[in-house]
PDB file of N, CA and C in Angstrom:
ATOM      1  N   MET A   1     -20.729  19.419  40.565  1.00  0.00           N
ATOM      2  CA  MET A   1     -20.275  20.050  41.779  1.00  0.00           C
ATOM      3  C   MET A   1     -18.799  19.721  41.965  1.00  0.00           C
ATOM      4  N   ALA A   2     -17.986  20.709  42.198  1.00  0.00           N
ATOM      5  CA  ALA A   2     -16.544  20.518  42.342  1.00  0.00           C
ATOM      6  C   ALA A   2     -16.205  20.004  43.735  1.00  0.00           C
ATOM      7  N   VAL A   3     -15.169  19.172  43.777  1.00  0.00           N
ATOM      8  CA  VAL A   3     -14.691  18.636  45.050  1.00  0.00           C
ATOM      9  C   VAL A   3     -13.637  19.592  45.594  1.00  0.00           C
ATOM     10  N   ALA A   4     -13.737  19.904  46.868  1.00  0.00           N
ATOM     11  CA  ALA A   4     -12.763  20.792  47.487  1.00  0.00           C
ATOM     12  C   ALA A   4     -11.394  20.116  47.481  1.00  0.00           C
ATOM     13  N   LYS A   5     -10.339  20.910  47.342  1.00  0.00           N
ATOM     14  CA  LYS A   5      -8.995  20.360  47.234  1.00  0.00           C
ATOM     15  C   LYS A   5      -8.603  19.564  48.470  1.00  0.00           C
ATOM     16  N   GLY A   6      -9.035  19.946  49.622  1.00  0.00           N
ATOM     17  CA  GLY A   6      -8.678  19.265  50.865  1.00  0.00           C
ATOM     18  C   GLY A   6      -9.305  17.890  50.989  1.00  0.00           C
ATOM     19  N   GLU A   7     -10.363  17.594  50.263  1.00  0.00           N
ATOM     20  CA  GLU A   7     -11.053  16.311  50.382  1.00  0.00           C
ATOM     21  C   GLU A   7     -10.380  15.209  49.560  1.00  0.00           C
ATOM     22  N   LYS A   8      -9.604  15.559  48.558  1.00  0.00           N
ATOM     23  CA  LYS A   8      -8.998  14.571  47.679  1.00  0.00           C
ATOM     24  C   LYS A   8      -7.593  14.237  48.193  1.00  0.00           C
ATOM     25  N   PRO A   9      -7.236  12.916  48.233  1.00  0.00           N
ATOM     26  CA  PRO A   9      -5.870  12.569  48.664  1.00  0.00           C
ATOM     27  C   PRO A   9      -4.844  13.142  47.687  1.00  0.00           C
ATOM     28  N   ASN A  10      -3.631  13.353  48.197  1.00  0.00           N
ATOM     29  CA  ASN A  10      -2.618  13.952  47.330  1.00  0.00           C
ATOM     30  C   ASN A  10      -2.164  12.961  46.250  1.00  0.00           C
ATOM     31  N   LEU A  11      -1.393  13.437  45.318  1.00  0.00           N
ATOM     32  CA  LEU A  11      -0.982  12.667  44.146  1.00  0.00           C
ATOM     33  C   LEU A  11      -0.222  11.404  44.534  1.00  0.00           C
ATOM     34  N   PHE A  12       0.705  11.501  45.464  1.00  0.00           N
ATOM     35  CA  PHE A  12       1.521  10.348  45.829  1.00  0.00           C
ATOM     36  C   PHE A  12       0.697   9.261  46.516  1.00  0.00           C
ATOM     37  N   THR A  13      -0.279   9.651  47.304  1.00  0.00           N
ATOM     38  CA  THR A  13      -1.162   8.678  47.944  1.00  0.00           C
ATOM     39  C   THR A  13      -1.983   7.941  46.894  1.00  0.00           C
ATOM     40  N   ARG A  14      -2.494   8.658  45.917  1.00  0.00           N
ATOM     41  CA  ARG A  14      -3.278   8.020  44.851  1.00  0.00           C
ATOM     42  C   ARG A  14      -2.409   7.110  43.999  1.00  0.00           C
ATOM     43  N   LEU A  15      -1.174   7.545  43.671  1.00  0.00           N
ATOM     44  CA  LEU A  15      -0.263   6.706  42.898  1.00  0.00           C
ATOM     45  C   LEU A  15       0.101   5.429  43.653  1.00  0.00           C
ATOM     46  N   LYS A  16       0.369   5.577  44.947  1.00  0.00           N
ATOM     47  CA  LYS A  16       0.715   4.429  45.780  1.00  0.00           C
ATOM     48  C   LYS A  16      -0.441   3.426  45.807  1.00  0.00           C
ATOM     49  N   ARG A  17      -1.657   3.925  45.959  1.00  0.00           N
ATOM     50  CA  ARG A  17      -2.838   3.061  45.978  1.00  0.00           C
ATOM     51  C   ARG A  17      -3.030   2.372  44.623  1.00  0.00           C
ATOM     52  N   THR A  18      -2.802   3.118  43.549  1.00  0.00           N
ATOM     53  CA  THR A  18      -2.946   2.555  42.199  1.00  0.00           C
ATOM     54  C   THR A  18      -1.947   1.431  41.964  1.00  0.00           C
ATOM     55  N   PHE A  19      -0.682   1.651  42.324  1.00  0.00           N
ATOM     56  CA  PHE A  19       0.330   0.617  42.129  1.00  0.00           C
ATOM     57  C   PHE A  19       0.055  -0.608  43.005  1.00  0.00           C
ATOM     58  N   ARG A  20      -0.390  -0.392  44.225  1.00  0.00           N
ATOM     59  CA  ARG A  20      -0.716  -1.505  45.119  1.00  0.00           C
ATOM     60  C   ARG A  20      -1.859  -2.331  44.543  1.00  0.00           C
ATOM     61  N   ASN A  21      -2.889  -1.666  44.040  1.00  0.00           N
ATOM     62  CA  ASN A  21      -4.018  -2.379  43.441  1.00  0.00           C
ATOM     63  C   ASN A  21      -3.604  -3.113  42.166  1.00  0.00           C
ATOM     64  N   THR A  22      -2.724  -2.509  41.388  1.00  0.00           N
ATOM     65  CA  THR A  22      -2.257  -3.150  40.163  1.00  0.00           C
ATOM     66  C   THR A  22      -1.482  -4.420  40.487  1.00  0.00           C
ATOM     67  N   ILE A  23      -0.609  -4.362  41.470  1.00  0.00           N
ATOM     68  CA  ILE A  23       0.172  -5.537  41.870  1.00  0.00           C
ATOM     69  C   ILE A  23      -0.748  -6.633  42.385  1.00  0.00           C
ATOM     70  N   GLN A  24      -1.746  -6.292  43.184  1.00  0.00           N
ATOM     71  CA  GLN A  24      -2.693  -7.289  43.679  1.00  0.00           C
ATOM     72  C   GLN A  24      -3.460  -7.934  42.528  1.00  0.00           C
ATOM     73  N   GLU A  25      -3.858  -7.153  41.557  1.00  0.00           N
ATOM     74  CA  GLU A  25      -4.612  -7.688  40.415  1.00  0.00           C
ATOM     75  C   GLU A  25      -3.730  -8.591  39.559  1.00  0.00           C
ATOM     76  N   MET A  26      -2.460  -8.220  39.369  1.00  0.00           N
ATOM     77  CA  MET A  26      -1.552  -9.036  38.568  1.00  0.00           C
ATOM     78  C   MET A  26      -1.284 -10.390  39.229  1.00  0.00           C
ATOM     79  N   LYS A  27      -1.359 -10.465  40.549  1.00  0.00           N
ATOM     80  CA  LYS A  27      -1.179 -11.744  41.237  1.00  0.00           C
ATOM     81  C   LYS A  27      -2.358 -12.676  41.002  1.00  0.00           C
ATOM     82  N   ARG A  28      -3.527 -12.140  40.694  1.00  0.00           N
ATOM     83  CA  ARG A  28      -4.722 -12.953  40.473  1.00  0.00           C
ATOM     84  C   ARG A  28      -4.832 -13.460  39.034  1.00  0.00           C
ATOM     85  N   VAL A  29      -4.020 -12.918  38.144  1.00  0.00           N
ATOM     86  CA  VAL A  29      -4.096 -13.285  36.727  1.00  0.00           C
ATOM     87  C   VAL A  29      -3.604 -14.714  36.543  1.00  0.00           C
ATOM     88  N   HIS A  30      -4.326 -15.494  35.731  1.00  0.00           N
ATOM     89  CA  HIS A  30      -3.895 -16.851  35.385  1.00  0.00           C
ATOM     90  C   HIS A  30      -2.989 -16.740  34.167  1.00  0.00           C
ATOM     91  N   TRP A  31      -1.687 -16.916  34.372  1.00  0.00           N
ATOM     92  CA  TRP A  31      -0.731 -16.804  33.282  1.00  0.00           C
ATOM     93  C   TRP A  31      -0.612 -18.144  32.577  1.00  0.00           C
ATOM     94  N   PRO A  32      -0.583 -18.156  31.240  1.00  0.00           N
ATOM     95  CA  PRO A  32      -0.471 -19.429  30.515  1.00  0.00           C
ATOM     96  C   PRO A  32       0.913 -20.037  30.683  1.00  0.00           C
ATOM     97  N   GLY A  33       0.960 -21.377  30.630  1.00  0.00           N
ATOM     98  CA  GLY A  33       2.235 -22.079  30.699  1.00  0.00           C
ATOM     99  C   GLY A  33       2.944 -22.026  29.350  1.00  0.00           C
ATOM    100  N   LYS A  34       4.133 -22.624  29.307  1.00  0.00           N
ATOM    101  CA  LYS A  34       4.923 -22.589  28.071  1.00  0.00           C
ATOM    102  C   LYS A  34       4.208 -23.309  26.936  1.00  0.00           C
ATOM    103  N   ARG A  35       3.596 -24.471  27.242  1.00  0.00           N
ATOM    104  CA  ARG A  35       2.905 -25.230  26.194  1.00  0.00           C
ATOM    105  C   ARG A  35       1.704 -24.448  25.668  1.00  0.00           C
ATOM    106  N   ASP A  36       0.913 -23.883  26.570  1.00  0.00           N
ATOM    107  CA  ASP A  36      -0.238 -23.080  26.145  1.00  0.00           C
ATOM    108  C   ASP A  36       0.214 -21.894  25.299  1.00  0.00           C
ATOM    109  N   LEU A  37       1.282 -21.257  25.725  1.00  0.00           N
ATOM    110  CA  LEU A  37       1.793 -20.094  24.995  1.00  0.00           C
ATOM    111  C   LEU A  37       2.247 -20.491  23.590  1.00  0.00           C
ATOM    112  N   ALA A  38       2.906 -21.642  23.472  1.00  0.00           N
ATOM    113  CA  ALA A  38       3.352 -22.115  22.157  1.00  0.00           C
ATOM    114  C   ALA A  38       2.152 -22.421  21.263  1.00  0.00           C
ATOM    115  N   VAL A  39       1.120 -23.059  21.828  1.00  0.00           N
ATOM    116  CA  VAL A  39      -0.071 -23.393  21.047  1.00  0.00           C
ATOM    117  C   VAL A  39      -0.786 -22.122  20.600  1.00  0.00           C
ATOM    118  N   TYR A  40      -0.968 -21.184  21.497  1.00  0.00           N
ATOM    119  CA  TYR A  40      -1.652 -19.937  21.159  1.00  0.00           C
ATOM    120  C   TYR A  40      -0.870 -19.163  20.088  1.00  0.00           C
ATOM    121  N   THR A  41       0.454 -19.154  20.214  1.00  0.00           N
ATOM    122  CA  THR A  41       1.286 -18.462  19.233  1.00  0.00           C
ATOM    123  C   THR A  41       1.148 -19.107  17.859  1.00  0.00           C
ATOM    124  N   ALA A  42       1.169 -20.445  17.824  1.00  0.00           N
ATOM    125  CA  ALA A  42       1.030 -21.160  16.551  1.00  0.00           C
ATOM    126  C   ALA A  42      -0.337 -20.877  15.922  1.00  0.00           C
ATOM    127  N   VAL A  43      -1.378 -20.836  16.742  1.00  0.00           N
ATOM    128  CA  VAL A  43      -2.717 -20.548  16.225  1.00  0.00           C
ATOM    129  C   VAL A  43      -2.776 -19.138  15.639  1.00  0.00           C
ATOM    130  N   VAL A  44      -2.205 -18.181  16.326  1.00  0.00           N
ATOM    131  CA  VAL A  44      -2.226 -16.797  15.832  1.00  0.00           C
ATOM    132  C   VAL A  44      -1.450 -16.686  14.519  1.00  0.00           C
ATOM    133  N   ILE A  45      -0.285 -17.310  14.443  1.00  0.00           N
ATOM    134  CA  ILE A  45       0.503 -17.259  13.208  1.00  0.00           C
ATOM    135  C   ILE A  45      -0.242 -17.965  12.080  1.00  0.00           C
ATOM    136  N   GLY A  46      -0.830 -19.123  12.366  1.00  0.00           N
ATOM    137  CA  GLY A  46      -1.575 -19.853  11.344  1.00  0.00           C
ATOM    138  C   GLY A  46      -2.762 -19.074  10.813  1.00  0.00           C
ATOM    139  N   VAL A  47      -3.558 -18.510  11.706  1.00  0.00           N
ATOM    140  CA  VAL A  47      -4.722 -17.730  11.279  1.00  0.00           C
ATOM    141  C   VAL A  47      -4.278 -16.493  10.506  1.00  0.00           C
ATOM    142  N   SER A  48      -3.189 -15.874  10.933  1.00  0.00           N
ATOM    143  CA  SER A  48      -2.679 -14.696  10.214  1.00  0.00           C
ATOM    144  C   SER A  48      -2.267 -15.058   8.790  1.00  0.00           C
ATOM    145  N   LEU A  49      -1.618 -16.206   8.617  1.00  0.00           N
ATOM    146  CA  LEU A  49      -1.224 -16.645   7.283  1.00  0.00           C
ATOM    147  C   LEU A  49      -2.433 -16.947   6.408  1.00  0.00           C
ATOM    148  N   VAL A  50      -3.449 -17.584   6.983  1.00  0.00           N
ATOM    149  CA  VAL A  50      -4.667 -17.886   6.218  1.00  0.00           C
ATOM    150  C   VAL A  50      -5.359 -16.595   5.782  1.00  0.00           C
ATOM    151  N   VAL A  51      -5.468 -15.642   6.673  1.00  0.00           N
ATOM    152  CA  VAL A  51      -6.099 -14.360   6.337  1.00  0.00           C
ATOM    153  C   VAL A  51      -5.275 -13.623   5.282  1.00  0.00           C
ATOM    154  N   ALA A  52      -3.952 -13.649   5.414  1.00  0.00           N
ATOM    155  CA  ALA A  52      -3.092 -12.988   4.422  1.00  0.00           C
ATOM    156  C   ALA A  52      -3.262 -13.638   3.054  1.00  0.00           C
ATOM    157  N   LEU A  53      -3.327 -14.960   3.012  1.00  0.00           N
ATOM    158  CA  LEU A  53      -3.523 -15.669   1.742  1.00  0.00           C
ATOM    159  C   LEU A  53      -4.880 -15.315   1.132  1.00  0.00           C
ATOM    160  N   PHE A  54      -5.923 -15.259   1.964  1.00  0.00           N
ATOM    161  CA  PHE A  54      -7.254 -14.900   1.494  1.00  0.00           C
ATOM    162  C   PHE A  54      -7.265 -13.491   0.900  1.00  0.00           C
ATOM    163  N   ILE A  55      -6.631 -12.557   1.582  1.00  0.00           N
ATOM    164  CA  ILE A  55      -6.586 -11.174   1.092  1.00  0.00           C
ATOM    165  C   ILE A  55      -5.778 -11.100  -0.200  1.00  0.00           C
ATOM    166  N   TYR A  56      -4.689 -11.863  -0.291  1.00  0.00           N
ATOM    167  CA  TYR A  56      -3.883 -11.874  -1.517  1.00  0.00           C
ATOM    168  C   TYR A  56      -4.698 -12.391  -2.698  1.00  0.00           C
ATOM    169  N   ILE A  57      -5.414 -13.499  -2.489  1.00  0.00           N
ATOM    170  CA  ILE A  57      -6.240 -14.071  -3.562  1.00  0.00           C
ATOM    171  C   ILE A  57      -7.344 -13.096  -3.964  1.00  0.00           C
ATOM    172  N   LEU A  58      -8.002 -12.501  -2.998  1.00  0.00           N
ATOM    173  CA  LEU A  58      -9.063 -11.535  -3.271  1.00  0.00           C
ATOM    174  C   LEU A  58      -8.510 -10.327  -4.029  1.00  0.00           C
ATOM    175  N   ASP A  59      -7.361  -9.834  -3.606  1.00  0.00           N
ATOM    176  CA  ASP A  59      -6.747  -8.677  -4.264  1.00  0.00           C
ATOM    177  C   ASP A  59      -6.341  -9.020  -5.699  1.00  0.00           C
ATOM    178  N   SER A  60      -5.781 -10.203  -5.900  1.00  0.00           N
ATOM    179  CA  SER A  60      -5.399 -10.623  -7.254  1.00  0.00           C
ATOM    180  C   SER A  60      -6.625 -10.745  -8.150  1.00  0.00           C
ATOM    181  N   GLY A  61      -7.697 -11.296  -7.619  1.00  0.00           N
ATOM    182  CA  GLY A  61      -8.930 -11.429  -8.396  1.00  0.00           C
ATOM    183  C   GLY A  61      -9.516 -10.086  -8.767  1.00  0.00           C
ATOM    184  N   VAL A  62      -9.558  -9.171  -7.821  1.00  0.00           N
ATOM    185  CA  VAL A  62     -10.095  -7.831  -8.107  1.00  0.00           C
ATOM    186  C   VAL A  62      -9.189  -7.111  -9.101  1.00  0.00           C
ATOM    187  N   GLY A  63      -7.876  -7.282  -8.974  1.00  0.00           N
ATOM    188  CA  GLY A  63      -6.948  -6.655  -9.908  1.00  0.00           C
ATOM    189  C   GLY A  63      -7.128  -7.187 -11.322  1.00  0.00           C
ATOM    190  N   ALA A  64      -7.294  -8.514 -11.435  1.00  0.00           N
ATOM    191  CA  ALA A  64      -7.512  -9.109 -12.760  1.00  0.00           C
ATOM    192  C   ALA A  64      -8.839  -8.627 -13.346  1.00  0.00           C
ATOM    193  N   LEU A  65      -9.859  -8.546 -12.518  1.00  0.00           N
ATOM    194  CA  LEU A  65     -11.165  -8.068 -12.967  1.00  0.00           C
ATOM    195  C   LEU A  65     -11.083  -6.617 -13.436  1.00  0.00           C
ATOM    196  N   MET A  66     -10.361  -5.799 -12.729  1.00  0.00           N
ATOM    197  CA  MET A  66     -10.211  -4.393 -13.119  1.00  0.00           C
ATOM    198  C   MET A  66      -9.434  -4.279 -14.435  1.00  0.00           C
ATOM    199  N   ASN A  67      -8.433  -5.139 -14.614  1.00  0.00           N
ATOM    200  CA  ASN A  67      -7.682  -5.133 -15.897  1.00  0.00           C
ATOM    201  C   ASN A  67      -8.607  -5.496 -17.060  1.00  0.00           C
ATOM    202  N   LEU A  68      -9.504  -6.455 -16.863  1.00  0.00           N
ATOM    203  CA  LEU A  68     -10.449  -6.836 -17.909  1.00  0.00           C
ATOM    204  C   LEU A  68     -11.415  -5.700 -18.217  1.00  0.00           C
ATOM    205  N   ILE A  69     -11.860  -5.027 -17.183  1.00  0.00           N
ATOM    206  CA  ILE A  69     -12.832  -3.934 -17.369  1.00  0.00           C
ATOM    207  C   ILE A  69     -12.166  -2.738 -18.053  1.00  0.00           C
ATOM    208  N   LEU A  70     -10.953  -2.413 -17.695  1.00  0.00           N
ATOM    209  CA  LEU A  70     -10.298  -1.215 -18.203  1.00  0.00           C
ATOM    210  C   LEU A  70      -9.651  -1.403 -19.576  1.00  0.00           C
ATOM    211  N   ARG A  71      -9.571  -2.611 -20.091  1.00  0.00           N
ATOM    212  CA  ARG A  71      -8.999  -2.822 -21.426  1.00  0.00           C
ATOM    213  C   ARG A  71      -9.930  -2.365 -22.498  1.00  0.00           C
TER     214      ARG A  71
END
């Protein structure tokens, strides 16, 4: 069932309400401190390096295996 145009608030009223709600929600967010941010960043970089190394080793192994099969 369609909503009549007169029943819905206009665009600017909806935008204003959206921005107000967004600002209120952002005030409730627990932002990490500098130390937490540094630790989280180090963990992400470390895990990324481990995953990259794992993929490199796996790729090298599969490549060597394919070379043996195709010879």
